[in-house]
Amino acid sequence: MSKILLTNDIKEDKTSGLKARVDVLNILKSDGYTLLQFPRLSSLKVMRDFWKVLSDTVKKGDHIVVEYPCWLRRRLLFVKAFTLVKKIPFYGIVHDINTIRFQTSPKRDIIALKLFDAVVSHNYAMTSWLKTNGYQKKIVNLDLFDYCLGSENPYAGGKPEKTYKLFYAGNLSYAKAAYIYNPRMAEYKNFSLDVYGQYLEQEKLGNSGVVYKGTFNPDTPVLNSTYQFGLVWEGTSIDTCDGDYGHYIRFNNPHKFSLYISLGLPVITWKDAAVARFVTEHNIGFVAESFEQINNILSGITPAQYREYADNVLKFSQEVRIGNFLKRAMRNIIKP
């Protein structure tokens, strides 16, 4: 049996934007998948030639996988037609659902997703959204994105004598992470926050107390310090997660969450984030309603409790580094 992953052209990228897609490509390749690159299907000749490539590659009992969203949606229609003719399964791996993120009509995404015979969803919350909005085929929960790394030492330090050091990685624009610019952040005395990423608006950072640490290569993250926790928080407010991005983390698995786990860092997240269930069930950190509550909880953590968080994270760190979550999900999706 052959397993086929159709891939888009992925450019060299030293930011985290394409890290998840590159990891999927490498994980499935290591798991025996044949990689075929999508052409743009810009003419009938290109479509005929690609149909022939697929016909020469795909045999009875095979299946085809595509990552979603798929650039140029007509590619999905093309592959769906091919799989119907050849009578083979067509599976999707969901990276993002933008109609959840921007709270628009789900119709466009659901129509596209229904082309798949089964999909890999982020988690229980996204799966519930899919079912509620009309996707009634098989869904497998990924639970946690993998984050492929080598054997770098974890960046988690033990309980500090004074303040905890928190680490946040991501898009630092005011539109996405306005809370880091809030001057009230400087009032919290039980932690300090270092941020890494692009699009920082330095002139707005002011006296928030948040420290900008630059960027790093997502494939070989070199941080400027040792931290106790990674932070999953989005939106404008320090009192809750709000706005489109605050809404989205109710349903998605932020890739930064996997980065923290791969680095051996316990996690702090908003109590209503989808990943909050994973954090609490596996005791790899804690959840909170606001930064005020984060500050208060940190004041009461004992060294033994912190060690338990860190030890529990290490149970998952190696798994996400080598791609075991995706490998398990794909094996589950092809089960009858």
C-alpha atoms as a PDB file:
ATOM      1  CA  MET A   1       0.000   0.000   0.000  1.00  0.00           C
ATOM      2  CA  SER A   2       1.245   3.479  -0.939  1.00  0.00           C
ATOM      3  CA  LYS A   3       0.404   6.570   1.069  1.00  0.00           C
ATOM      4  CA  ILE A   4       0.469   9.844  -0.825  1.00  0.00           C
ATOM      5  CA  LEU A   5       0.858  13.365   0.599  1.00  0.00           C
ATOM      6  CA  LEU A   6       0.200  16.140  -1.907  1.00  0.00           C
ATOM      7  CA  THR A   7       2.269  19.162  -0.946  1.00  0.00           C
ATOM      8  CA  ASN A   8       2.346  22.811  -1.874  1.00  0.00           C
ATOM      9  CA  ASP A   9       5.544  24.585  -2.760  1.00  0.00           C
ATOM     10  CA  ILE A  10       6.994  25.616   0.620  1.00  0.00           C
ATOM     11  CA  LYS A  11       9.566  28.379   0.455  1.00  0.00           C
ATOM     12  CA  GLU A  12      12.541  28.712   2.759  1.00  0.00           C
ATOM     13  CA  ASP A  13      11.163  30.350   5.877  1.00  0.00           C
ATOM     14  CA  LYS A  14      13.026  31.133   9.082  1.00  0.00           C
ATOM     15  CA  THR A  15       9.918  32.276  10.934  1.00  0.00           C
ATOM     16  CA  SER A  16       7.355  30.003  12.535  1.00  0.00           C
ATOM     17  CA  GLY A  17       4.709  30.611   9.863  1.00  0.00           C
ATOM     18  CA  LEU A  18       5.391  27.452   7.845  1.00  0.00           C
ATOM     19  CA  LYS A  19       6.974  25.315  10.559  1.00  0.00           C
ATOM     20  CA  ALA A  20       3.812  23.239  11.101  1.00  0.00           C
ATOM     21  CA  ARG A  21       3.451  22.414   7.406  1.00  0.00           C
ATOM     22  CA  VAL A  22       7.123  21.558   7.007  1.00  0.00           C
ATOM     23  CA  ASP A  23       6.893  19.281  10.045  1.00  0.00           C
ATOM     24  CA  VAL A  24       3.872  17.471   8.576  1.00  0.00           C
ATOM     25  CA  LEU A  25       5.794  16.898   5.359  1.00  0.00           C
ATOM     26  CA  ASN A  26       8.842  15.510   7.176  1.00  0.00           C
ATOM     27  CA  ILE A  27       6.852  13.408   9.658  1.00  0.00           C
ATOM     28  CA  LEU A  28       4.745  11.716   6.981  1.00  0.00           C
ATOM     29  CA  LYS A  29       7.763  11.202   4.746  1.00  0.00           C
ATOM     30  CA  SER A  30       9.509   9.430   7.615  1.00  0.00           C
ATOM     31  CA  ASP A  31       6.356   7.355   8.105  1.00  0.00           C
ATOM     32  CA  GLY A  32       6.449   5.994   4.567  1.00  0.00           C
ATOM     33  CA  TYR A  33       4.427   8.549   2.628  1.00  0.00           C
ATOM     34  CA  THR A  34       5.298   9.398  -0.965  1.00  0.00           C
ATOM     35  CA  LEU A  35       5.399  13.158  -1.493  1.00  0.00           C
ATOM     36  CA  LEU A  36       3.980  14.666  -4.675  1.00  0.00           C
ATOM     37  CA  GLN A  37       4.001  18.403  -5.280  1.00  0.00           C
ATOM     38  CA  PHE A  38       0.804  20.074  -6.428  1.00  0.00           C
ATOM     39  CA  PRO A  39       1.095  21.970  -9.702  1.00  0.00           C
ATOM     40  CA  ARG A  40      -1.026  25.087 -10.034  1.00  0.00           C
ATOM     41  CA  LEU A  41      -3.441  23.366 -12.457  1.00  0.00           C
ATOM     42  CA  SER A  42      -3.313  26.478 -14.623  1.00  0.00           C
ATOM     43  CA  SER A  43      -4.247  24.783 -17.902  1.00  0.00           C
ATOM     44  CA  LEU A  44      -5.870  21.640 -19.252  1.00  0.00           C
ATOM     45  CA  LYS A  45      -2.437  20.296 -20.201  1.00  0.00           C
ATOM     46  CA  VAL A  46      -1.138  20.725 -16.645  1.00  0.00           C
ATOM     47  CA  MET A  47      -4.235  18.959 -15.297  1.00  0.00           C
ATOM     48  CA  ARG A  48      -3.890  16.075 -17.771  1.00  0.00           C
ATOM     49  CA  ASP A  49      -0.205  15.673 -16.951  1.00  0.00           C
ATOM     50  CA  PHE A  50      -0.856  15.689 -13.217  1.00  0.00           C
ATOM     51  CA  TRP A  51      -3.707  13.194 -13.574  1.00  0.00           C
ATOM     52  CA  LYS A  52      -1.246  10.878 -15.328  1.00  0.00           C
ATOM     53  CA  VAL A  53       1.336  11.346 -12.544  1.00  0.00           C
ATOM     54  CA  LEU A  54      -1.287  10.416  -9.974  1.00  0.00           C
ATOM     55  CA  SER A  55      -2.471   7.439 -12.030  1.00  0.00           C
ATOM     56  CA  ASP A  56       1.085   6.146 -12.340  1.00  0.00           C
ATOM     57  CA  THR A  57       1.677   6.523  -8.603  1.00  0.00           C
ATOM     58  CA  VAL A  58      -1.586   5.589  -6.898  1.00  0.00           C
ATOM     59  CA  LYS A  59      -2.734   1.965  -6.789  1.00  0.00           C
ATOM     60  CA  LYS A  60      -5.712   0.136  -5.336  1.00  0.00           C
ATOM     61  CA  GLY A  61      -5.699   0.301  -1.540  1.00  0.00           C
ATOM     62  CA  ASP A  62      -3.738   3.574  -1.453  1.00  0.00           C
ATOM     63  CA  HIS A  63      -4.930   6.867  -0.016  1.00  0.00           C
ATOM     64  CA  ILE A  64      -4.203  10.552  -0.599  1.00  0.00           C
ATOM     65  CA  VAL A  65      -3.682  13.221   2.078  1.00  0.00           C
ATOM     66  CA  VAL A  66      -3.885  17.003   1.667  1.00  0.00           C
ATOM     67  CA  GLU A  67      -3.294  19.712   4.251  1.00  0.00           C
ATOM     68  CA  TYR A  68      -6.080  22.244   4.780  1.00  0.00           C
ATOM     69  CA  PRO A  69      -6.404  25.116   3.957  1.00  0.00           C
ATOM     70  CA  CYS A  70      -5.191  24.167   0.488  1.00  0.00           C
ATOM     71  CA  TRP A  71      -3.886  27.016  -1.620  1.00  0.00           C
ATOM     72  CA  LEU A  72      -6.026  27.241  -4.780  1.00  0.00           C
ATOM     73  CA  ARG A  73      -9.207  25.410  -3.854  1.00  0.00           C
ATOM     74  CA  ARG A  74      -9.663  23.939  -7.328  1.00  0.00           C
ATOM     75  CA  ARG A  75      -6.885  21.539  -6.419  1.00  0.00           C
ATOM     76  CA  LEU A  76      -9.200  19.929  -3.856  1.00  0.00           C
ATOM     77  CA  LEU A  77     -11.925  19.485  -6.473  1.00  0.00           C
ATOM     78  CA  PHE A  78      -9.415  17.975  -8.877  1.00  0.00           C
ATOM     79  CA  VAL A  79      -8.099  15.458  -6.334  1.00  0.00           C
ATOM     80  CA  LYS A  80     -11.606  14.621  -5.155  1.00  0.00           C
ATOM     81  CA  ALA A  81     -12.565  13.772  -8.730  1.00  0.00           C
ATOM     82  CA  PHE A  82      -9.473  11.598  -9.071  1.00  0.00           C
ATOM     83  CA  THR A  83     -10.162   9.686  -5.842  1.00  0.00           C
ATOM     84  CA  LEU A  84     -13.778   9.095  -6.848  1.00  0.00           C
ATOM     85  CA  VAL A  85     -12.703   7.663 -10.202  1.00  0.00           C
ATOM     86  CA  LYS A  86     -10.000   5.495  -8.616  1.00  0.00           C
ATOM     87  CA  LYS A  87     -12.173   4.590  -5.586  1.00  0.00           C
ATOM     88  CA  ILE A  88      -9.538   5.492  -2.972  1.00  0.00           C
ATOM     89  CA  PRO A  89      -9.875   7.492   0.277  1.00  0.00           C
ATOM     90  CA  PHE A  90      -9.118  11.200   0.464  1.00  0.00           C
ATOM     91  CA  TYR A  91      -8.038  12.575   3.871  1.00  0.00           C
ATOM     92  CA  GLY A  92      -7.416  16.089   5.184  1.00  0.00           C
ATOM     93  CA  ILE A  93      -5.160  17.437   7.927  1.00  0.00           C
ATOM     94  CA  VAL A  94      -6.597  20.687   9.300  1.00  0.00           C
ATOM     95  CA  HIS A  95      -4.127  23.458  10.082  1.00  0.00           C
ATOM     96  CA  ASP A  96      -6.569  26.360  10.276  1.00  0.00           C
ATOM     97  CA  ILE A  97     -10.248  27.121   9.792  1.00  0.00           C
ATOM     98  CA  ASN A  98     -10.428  30.820   9.075  1.00  0.00           C
ATOM     99  CA  THR A  99     -14.191  31.070   9.427  1.00  0.00           C
ATOM    100  CA  ILE A 100     -13.711  30.160  13.096  1.00  0.00           C
ATOM    101  CA  ARG A 101     -10.873  32.630  13.503  1.00  0.00           C
ATOM    102  CA  PHE A 102     -12.791  35.558  11.989  1.00  0.00           C
ATOM    103  CA  GLN A 103     -16.273  34.450  13.103  1.00  0.00           C
ATOM    104  CA  THR A 104     -17.751  34.499   9.609  1.00  0.00           C
ATOM    105  CA  SER A 105     -20.142  32.078   7.914  1.00  0.00           C
ATOM    106  CA  PRO A 106     -18.740  28.518   8.066  1.00  0.00           C
ATOM    107  CA  LYS A 107     -20.304  27.581   4.736  1.00  0.00           C
ATOM    108  CA  ARG A 108     -17.190  28.028   2.593  1.00  0.00           C
ATOM    109  CA  ASP A 109     -14.937  25.963   4.852  1.00  0.00           C
ATOM    110  CA  ILE A 110     -17.511  23.227   5.438  1.00  0.00           C
ATOM    111  CA  ILE A 111     -18.168  22.814   1.696  1.00  0.00           C
ATOM    112  CA  ALA A 112     -14.435  22.365   1.129  1.00  0.00           C
ATOM    113  CA  LEU A 113     -13.936  20.037   4.103  1.00  0.00           C
ATOM    114  CA  LYS A 114     -16.782  17.799   2.972  1.00  0.00           C
ATOM    115  CA  LEU A 115     -14.623  16.836  -0.009  1.00  0.00           C
ATOM    116  CA  PHE A 116     -12.513  14.779   2.402  1.00  0.00           C
ATOM    117  CA  ASP A 117     -13.574  11.297   3.482  1.00  0.00           C
ATOM    118  CA  ALA A 118     -12.158  11.993   6.959  1.00  0.00           C
ATOM    119  CA  VAL A 119     -10.169  14.760   8.617  1.00  0.00           C
ATOM    120  CA  VAL A 120      -7.629  15.237  11.390  1.00  0.00           C
ATOM    121  CA  SER A 121      -8.961  17.976  13.676  1.00  0.00           C
ATOM    122  CA  HIS A 122      -6.982  19.887  16.308  1.00  0.00           C
ATOM    123  CA  ASN A 123      -8.951  18.831  19.375  1.00  0.00           C
ATOM    124  CA  TYR A 124     -12.349  18.130  20.936  1.00  0.00           C
ATOM    125  CA  ALA A 125     -13.510  21.767  20.573  1.00  0.00           C
ATOM    126  CA  MET A 126     -12.747  22.022  16.865  1.00  0.00           C
ATOM    127  CA  THR A 127     -14.301  18.597  16.311  1.00  0.00           C
ATOM    128  CA  SER A 128     -17.490  19.742  18.034  1.00  0.00           C
ATOM    129  CA  TRP A 129     -17.558  22.859  15.829  1.00  0.00           C
ATOM    130  CA  LEU A 130     -17.141  20.725  12.701  1.00  0.00           C
ATOM    131  CA  LYS A 131     -19.998  18.414  13.650  1.00  0.00           C
ATOM    132  CA  THR A 132     -22.279  21.268  14.660  1.00  0.00           C
ATOM    133  CA  ASN A 133     -21.698  22.963  11.325  1.00  0.00           C
ATOM    134  CA  GLY A 134     -22.396  19.939   9.189  1.00  0.00           C
ATOM    135  CA  TYR A 135     -19.304  17.789   8.809  1.00  0.00           C
ATOM    136  CA  GLN A 136     -20.616  14.285   9.540  1.00  0.00           C
ATOM    137  CA  LYS A 137     -17.766  12.103   8.311  1.00  0.00           C
ATOM    138  CA  LYS A 138     -14.985  10.581  10.411  1.00  0.00           C
ATOM    139  CA  ILE A 139     -12.911  12.962  12.532  1.00  0.00           C
ATOM    140  CA  VAL A 140      -9.746  12.098  14.453  1.00  0.00           C
ATOM    141  CA  ASN A 141      -8.396  14.479  17.097  1.00  0.00           C
ATOM    142  CA  LEU A 142      -4.721  15.338  16.819  1.00  0.00           C
ATOM    143  CA  ASP A 143      -4.721  16.594  20.449  1.00  0.00           C
ATOM    144  CA  LEU A 144      -1.319  18.228  20.071  1.00  0.00           C
ATOM    145  CA  PHE A 145       0.632  19.496  17.072  1.00  0.00           C
ATOM    146  CA  ASP A 146       4.078  18.023  16.791  1.00  0.00           C
ATOM    147  CA  TYR A 147       7.079  20.339  16.872  1.00  0.00           C
ATOM    148  CA  CYS A 148      10.087  18.594  15.382  1.00  0.00           C
ATOM    149  CA  LEU A 149      13.404  19.376  17.011  1.00  0.00           C
ATOM    150  CA  GLY A 150      16.696  17.648  17.646  1.00  0.00           C
ATOM    151  CA  SER A 151      18.002  16.756  21.078  1.00  0.00           C
ATOM    152  CA  GLU A 152      18.409  20.264  22.486  1.00  0.00           C
ATOM    153  CA  ASN A 153      18.224  20.535  26.250  1.00  0.00           C
ATOM    154  CA  PRO A 154      14.889  21.744  27.660  1.00  0.00           C
ATOM    155  CA  TYR A 155      14.721  25.395  28.617  1.00  0.00           C
ATOM    156  CA  ALA A 156      12.682  24.890  31.772  1.00  0.00           C
ATOM    157  CA  GLY A 157      14.346  26.025  34.963  1.00  0.00           C
ATOM    158  CA  GLY A 158      13.315  25.101  38.502  1.00  0.00           C
ATOM    159  CA  LYS A 159      11.214  27.276  40.775  1.00  0.00           C
ATOM    160  CA  PRO A 160      13.035  30.622  41.100  1.00  0.00           C
ATOM    161  CA  GLU A 161      13.816  32.350  44.345  1.00  0.00           C
ATOM    162  CA  LYS A 162      11.950  35.495  43.293  1.00  0.00           C
ATOM    163  CA  THR A 163       9.930  36.037  40.101  1.00  0.00           C
ATOM    164  CA  TYR A 164       9.008  33.478  37.474  1.00  0.00           C
ATOM    165  CA  LYS A 165      10.179  34.053  33.915  1.00  0.00           C
ATOM    166  CA  LEU A 166       7.458  33.559  31.302  1.00  0.00           C
ATOM    167  CA  PHE A 167       8.153  33.003  27.607  1.00  0.00           C
ATOM    168  CA  TYR A 168       5.799  34.006  24.765  1.00  0.00           C
ATOM    169  CA  ALA A 169       6.496  33.369  21.077  1.00  0.00           C
ATOM    170  CA  GLY A 170       4.363  34.585  18.199  1.00  0.00           C
ATOM    171  CA  ASN A 171       3.029  37.482  16.208  1.00  0.00           C
ATOM    172  CA  LEU A 172       3.626  40.537  18.400  1.00  0.00           C
ATOM    173  CA  SER A 173       1.548  43.043  16.456  1.00  0.00           C
ATOM    174  CA  TYR A 174      -0.774  45.246  18.470  1.00  0.00           C
ATOM    175  CA  ALA A 175      -3.756  43.815  16.572  1.00  0.00           C
ATOM    176  CA  LYS A 176      -2.996  40.277  17.716  1.00  0.00           C
ATOM    177  CA  ALA A 177      -1.302  40.681  21.097  1.00  0.00           C
ATOM    178  CA  ALA A 178      -2.271  44.106  22.440  1.00  0.00           C
ATOM    179  CA  TYR A 179      -2.110  42.831  26.014  1.00  0.00           C
ATOM    180  CA  ILE A 180       1.714  42.839  25.992  1.00  0.00           C
ATOM    181  CA  TYR A 181       1.615  46.626  25.517  1.00  0.00           C
ATOM    182  CA  ASN A 182      -0.622  47.233  28.541  1.00  0.00           C
ATOM    183  CA  PRO A 183       1.202  49.293  31.227  1.00  0.00           C
ATOM    184  CA  ARG A 184      -0.628  47.311  33.925  1.00  0.00           C
ATOM    185  CA  MET A 185       1.636  44.359  33.047  1.00  0.00           C
ATOM    186  CA  ALA A 186       4.395  46.114  34.992  1.00  0.00           C
ATOM    187  CA  GLU A 187       2.328  45.922  38.193  1.00  0.00           C
ATOM    188  CA  TYR A 188       2.607  42.142  38.530  1.00  0.00           C
ATOM    189  CA  LYS A 189       5.512  41.235  40.782  1.00  0.00           C
ATOM    190  CA  ASN A 190       5.493  37.417  40.706  1.00  0.00           C
ATOM    191  CA  PHE A 191       6.540  37.095  37.055  1.00  0.00           C
ATOM    192  CA  SER A 192       8.310  38.810  34.190  1.00  0.00           C
ATOM    193  CA  LEU A 193       7.417  38.252  30.541  1.00  0.00           C
ATOM    194  CA  ASP A 194       9.882  37.923  27.652  1.00  0.00           C
ATOM    195  CA  VAL A 195       8.442  37.929  24.126  1.00  0.00           C
ATOM    196  CA  TYR A 196       9.970  36.630  20.887  1.00  0.00           C
ATOM    197  CA  GLY A 197       8.609  37.140  17.407  1.00  0.00           C
ATOM    198  CA  GLN A 198       7.921  39.491  14.540  1.00  0.00           C
ATOM    199  CA  TYR A 199       5.883  42.667  14.114  1.00  0.00           C
ATOM    200  CA  LEU A 200       6.615  44.189  17.513  1.00  0.00           C
ATOM    201  CA  GLU A 201       5.468  47.815  17.665  1.00  0.00           C
ATOM    202  CA  GLN A 202       8.265  49.062  19.882  1.00  0.00           C
ATOM    203  CA  GLU A 203       6.896  52.580  20.261  1.00  0.00           C
ATOM    204  CA  LYS A 204       3.761  51.179  21.886  1.00  0.00           C
ATOM    205  CA  LEU A 205       5.584  48.891  24.326  1.00  0.00           C
ATOM    206  CA  GLY A 206       6.320  51.804  26.601  1.00  0.00           C
ATOM    207  CA  ASN A 207       6.559  50.951  30.295  1.00  0.00           C
ATOM    208  CA  SER A 208       4.646  47.663  30.227  1.00  0.00           C
ATOM    209  CA  GLY A 209       7.627  45.830  31.711  1.00  0.00           C
ATOM    210  CA  VAL A 210       7.508  43.279  28.882  1.00  0.00           C
ATOM    211  CA  VAL A 211      10.950  42.573  27.396  1.00  0.00           C
ATOM    212  CA  TYR A 212      11.429  41.982  23.674  1.00  0.00           C
ATOM    213  CA  LYS A 213      14.051  39.324  22.931  1.00  0.00           C
ATOM    214  CA  GLY A 214      14.044  39.269  19.124  1.00  0.00           C
ATOM    215  CA  THR A 215      13.446  36.258  16.886  1.00  0.00           C
ATOM    216  CA  PHE A 216      14.847  32.749  16.540  1.00  0.00           C
ATOM    217  CA  ASN A 217      15.009  30.054  13.895  1.00  0.00           C
ATOM    218  CA  PRO A 218      11.986  27.814  14.636  1.00  0.00           C
ATOM    219  CA  ASP A 219      13.944  24.708  13.650  1.00  0.00           C
ATOM    220  CA  THR A 220      16.766  25.464  16.076  1.00  0.00           C
ATOM    221  CA  PRO A 221      15.322  27.741  18.752  1.00  0.00           C
ATOM    222  CA  VAL A 222      18.063  29.450  20.716  1.00  0.00           C
ATOM    223  CA  LEU A 223      16.610  31.472  23.566  1.00  0.00           C
ATOM    224  CA  ASN A 224      18.345  34.182  25.536  1.00  0.00           C
ATOM    225  CA  SER A 225      17.373  32.842  28.922  1.00  0.00           C
ATOM    226  CA  THR A 226      15.950  29.917  30.874  1.00  0.00           C
ATOM    227  CA  TYR A 227      12.226  30.091  31.594  1.00  0.00           C
ATOM    228  CA  GLN A 228       9.760  28.449  33.947  1.00  0.00           C
ATOM    229  CA  PHE A 229       6.604  28.664  31.794  1.00  0.00           C
ATOM    230  CA  GLY A 230       5.462  29.182  28.224  1.00  0.00           C
ATOM    231  CA  LEU A 231       2.423  31.447  27.813  1.00  0.00           C
ATOM    232  CA  VAL A 232      -0.608  30.843  25.566  1.00  0.00           C
ATOM    233  CA  TRP A 233      -2.645  34.061  25.507  1.00  0.00           C
ATOM    234  CA  GLU A 234      -4.165  36.127  22.697  1.00  0.00           C
ATOM    235  CA  GLY A 235      -6.139  39.331  22.242  1.00  0.00           C
ATOM    236  CA  THR A 236      -6.243  42.857  23.579  1.00  0.00           C
ATOM    237  CA  SER A 237      -6.950  42.316  27.255  1.00  0.00           C
ATOM    238  CA  ILE A 238      -5.019  41.225  30.340  1.00  0.00           C
ATOM    239  CA  ASP A 239      -8.327  40.312  32.001  1.00  0.00           C
ATOM    240  CA  THR A 240      -9.429  37.719  29.422  1.00  0.00           C
ATOM    241  CA  CYS A 241      -8.691  36.552  25.872  1.00  0.00           C
ATOM    242  CA  ASP A 242     -10.849  38.593  23.509  1.00  0.00           C
ATOM    243  CA  GLY A 243     -11.192  39.633  19.877  1.00  0.00           C
ATOM    244  CA  ASP A 244     -10.911  37.309  16.882  1.00  0.00           C
ATOM    245  CA  TYR A 245      -7.711  35.706  18.144  1.00  0.00           C
ATOM    246  CA  GLY A 246      -9.054  35.284  21.645  1.00  0.00           C
ATOM    247  CA  HIS A 247     -12.086  33.603  20.130  1.00  0.00           C
ATOM    248  CA  TYR A 248      -9.942  31.344  17.960  1.00  0.00           C
ATOM    249  CA  ILE A 249      -7.987  29.807  20.827  1.00  0.00           C
ATOM    250  CA  ARG A 250     -11.268  28.427  22.138  1.00  0.00           C
ATOM    251  CA  PHE A 251     -10.998  25.993  19.213  1.00  0.00           C
ATOM    252  CA  ASN A 252      -7.442  25.669  17.897  1.00  0.00           C
ATOM    253  CA  ASN A 253      -4.132  24.275  19.081  1.00  0.00           C
ATOM    254  CA  PRO A 254      -1.699  27.210  18.866  1.00  0.00           C
ATOM    255  CA  HIS A 255       1.610  26.056  17.429  1.00  0.00           C
ATOM    256  CA  LYS A 256       3.436  27.908  20.209  1.00  0.00           C
ATOM    257  CA  PHE A 257       1.849  25.451  22.648  1.00  0.00           C
ATOM    258  CA  SER A 258       3.766  22.643  20.956  1.00  0.00           C
ATOM    259  CA  LEU A 259       6.950  24.703  20.890  1.00  0.00           C
ATOM    260  CA  TYR A 260       6.815  25.120  24.664  1.00  0.00           C
ATOM    261  CA  ILE A 261       6.238  21.414  25.224  1.00  0.00           C
ATOM    262  CA  SER A 262       9.047  20.460  22.855  1.00  0.00           C
ATOM    263  CA  LEU A 263      11.351  22.704  24.915  1.00  0.00           C
ATOM    264  CA  GLY A 264      10.246  21.105  28.178  1.00  0.00           C
ATOM    265  CA  LEU A 265       8.370  24.168  29.422  1.00  0.00           C
ATOM    266  CA  PRO A 266       5.257  23.909  31.590  1.00  0.00           C
ATOM    267  CA  VAL A 267       2.411  26.016  30.202  1.00  0.00           C
ATOM    268  CA  ILE A 268       0.113  28.782  31.422  1.00  0.00           C
ATOM    269  CA  THR A 269      -2.996  29.379  29.326  1.00  0.00           C
ATOM    270  CA  TRP A 270      -6.376  31.049  29.419  1.00  0.00           C
ATOM    271  CA  LYS A 271      -8.991  28.916  31.173  1.00  0.00           C
ATOM    272  CA  ASP A 272     -11.316  28.828  28.135  1.00  0.00           C
ATOM    273  CA  ALA A 273      -8.652  27.973  25.560  1.00  0.00           C
ATOM    274  CA  ALA A 274      -9.117  24.594  23.892  1.00  0.00           C
ATOM    275  CA  VAL A 275      -5.646  23.520  25.061  1.00  0.00           C
ATOM    276  CA  ALA A 276      -6.638  24.228  28.679  1.00  0.00           C
ATOM    277  CA  ARG A 277      -8.143  20.736  28.861  1.00  0.00           C
ATOM    278  CA  PHE A 278      -4.834  19.160  27.829  1.00  0.00           C
ATOM    279  CA  VAL A 279      -2.921  21.289  30.342  1.00  0.00           C
ATOM    280  CA  THR A 280      -5.157  20.368  33.276  1.00  0.00           C
ATOM    281  CA  GLU A 281      -5.716  16.695  32.391  1.00  0.00           C
ATOM    282  CA  HIS A 282      -1.992  16.069  32.121  1.00  0.00           C
ATOM    283  CA  ASN A 283      -0.951  18.504  34.875  1.00  0.00           C
ATOM    284  CA  ILE A 284       1.642  20.264  32.703  1.00  0.00           C
ATOM    285  CA  GLY A 285       0.941  23.743  34.061  1.00  0.00           C
ATOM    286  CA  PHE A 286      -2.143  25.707  35.030  1.00  0.00           C
ATOM    287  CA  VAL A 287      -4.978  27.767  33.559  1.00  0.00           C
ATOM    288  CA  ALA A 288      -6.173  31.214  34.590  1.00  0.00           C
ATOM    289  CA  GLU A 289      -8.881  33.752  33.860  1.00  0.00           C
ATOM    290  CA  SER A 290      -6.637  36.827  33.879  1.00  0.00           C
ATOM    291  CA  PHE A 291      -3.086  38.006  34.450  1.00  0.00           C
ATOM    292  CA  GLU A 292      -4.114  39.038  37.945  1.00  0.00           C
ATOM    293  CA  GLN A 293      -4.969  35.407  38.611  1.00  0.00           C
ATOM    294  CA  ILE A 294      -1.727  34.220  36.982  1.00  0.00           C
ATOM    295  CA  ASN A 295       0.190  36.503  39.334  1.00  0.00           C
ATOM    296  CA  ASN A 296      -1.693  35.172  42.365  1.00  0.00           C
ATOM    297  CA  ILE A 297      -1.335  31.490  41.428  1.00  0.00           C
ATOM    298  CA  LEU A 298       2.394  31.853  40.877  1.00  0.00           C
ATOM    299  CA  SER A 299       2.821  33.167  44.411  1.00  0.00           C
ATOM    300  CA  GLY A 300       1.588  29.858  45.815  1.00  0.00           C
ATOM    301  CA  ILE A 301       3.359  27.271  43.664  1.00  0.00           C
ATOM    302  CA  THR A 302       5.712  25.069  45.669  1.00  0.00           C
ATOM    303  CA  PRO A 303       9.002  23.655  44.347  1.00  0.00           C
ATOM    304  CA  ALA A 304       7.470  20.157  44.403  1.00  0.00           C
ATOM    305  CA  GLN A 305       4.458  21.289  42.381  1.00  0.00           C
ATOM    306  CA  TYR A 306       6.673  22.976  39.794  1.00  0.00           C
ATOM    307  CA  ARG A 307       8.842  19.848  39.476  1.00  0.00           C
ATOM    308  CA  GLU A 308       5.689  17.819  38.851  1.00  0.00           C
ATOM    309  CA  TYR A 309       4.644  20.169  36.054  1.00  0.00           C
ATOM    310  CA  ALA A 310       8.094  19.963  34.473  1.00  0.00           C
ATOM    311  CA  ASP A 311       8.345  16.178  34.801  1.00  0.00           C
ATOM    312  CA  ASN A 312       4.935  15.750  33.190  1.00  0.00           C
ATOM    313  CA  VAL A 313       5.856  17.993  30.249  1.00  0.00           C
ATOM    314  CA  LEU A 314       8.937  15.891  29.547  1.00  0.00           C
ATOM    315  CA  LYS A 315       6.665  12.877  29.000  1.00  0.00           C
ATOM    316  CA  PHE A 316       5.315  14.644  25.906  1.00  0.00           C
ATOM    317  CA  SER A 317       8.414  16.577  24.857  1.00  0.00           C
ATOM    318  CA  GLN A 318      10.106  13.702  23.050  1.00  0.00           C
ATOM    319  CA  GLU A 319       6.847  12.635  21.399  1.00  0.00           C
ATOM    320  CA  VAL A 320       6.205  16.002  19.765  1.00  0.00           C
ATOM    321  CA  ARG A 321       9.859  16.272  18.731  1.00  0.00           C
ATOM    322  CA  ILE A 322       9.637  13.082  16.640  1.00  0.00           C
ATOM    323  CA  GLY A 323       6.091  13.455  15.297  1.00  0.00           C
ATOM    324  CA  ASN A 324       4.243  10.784  17.235  1.00  0.00           C
ATOM    325  CA  PHE A 325       0.974  12.708  17.575  1.00  0.00           C
ATOM    326  CA  LEU A 326       0.493  13.026  13.817  1.00  0.00           C
ATOM    327  CA  LYS A 327       1.632   9.471  13.163  1.00  0.00           C
ATOM    328  CA  ARG A 328      -0.970   8.165  15.621  1.00  0.00           C
ATOM    329  CA  ALA A 329      -3.689  10.342  14.155  1.00  0.00           C
ATOM    330  CA  MET A 330      -3.016   9.133  10.610  1.00  0.00           C
ATOM    331  CA  ARG A 331      -3.050   5.495  11.707  1.00  0.00           C
ATOM    332  CA  ASN A 332      -6.376   6.086  13.421  1.00  0.00           C
ATOM    333  CA  ILE A 333      -7.875   7.840  10.439  1.00  0.00           C
ATOM    334  CA  ILE A 334      -7.252   4.923   8.078  1.00  0.00           C
ATOM    335  CA  LYS A 335      -8.728   2.353  10.447  1.00  0.00           C
ATOM    336  CA  PRO A 336     -12.062   0.964   9.178  1.00  0.00           C
END
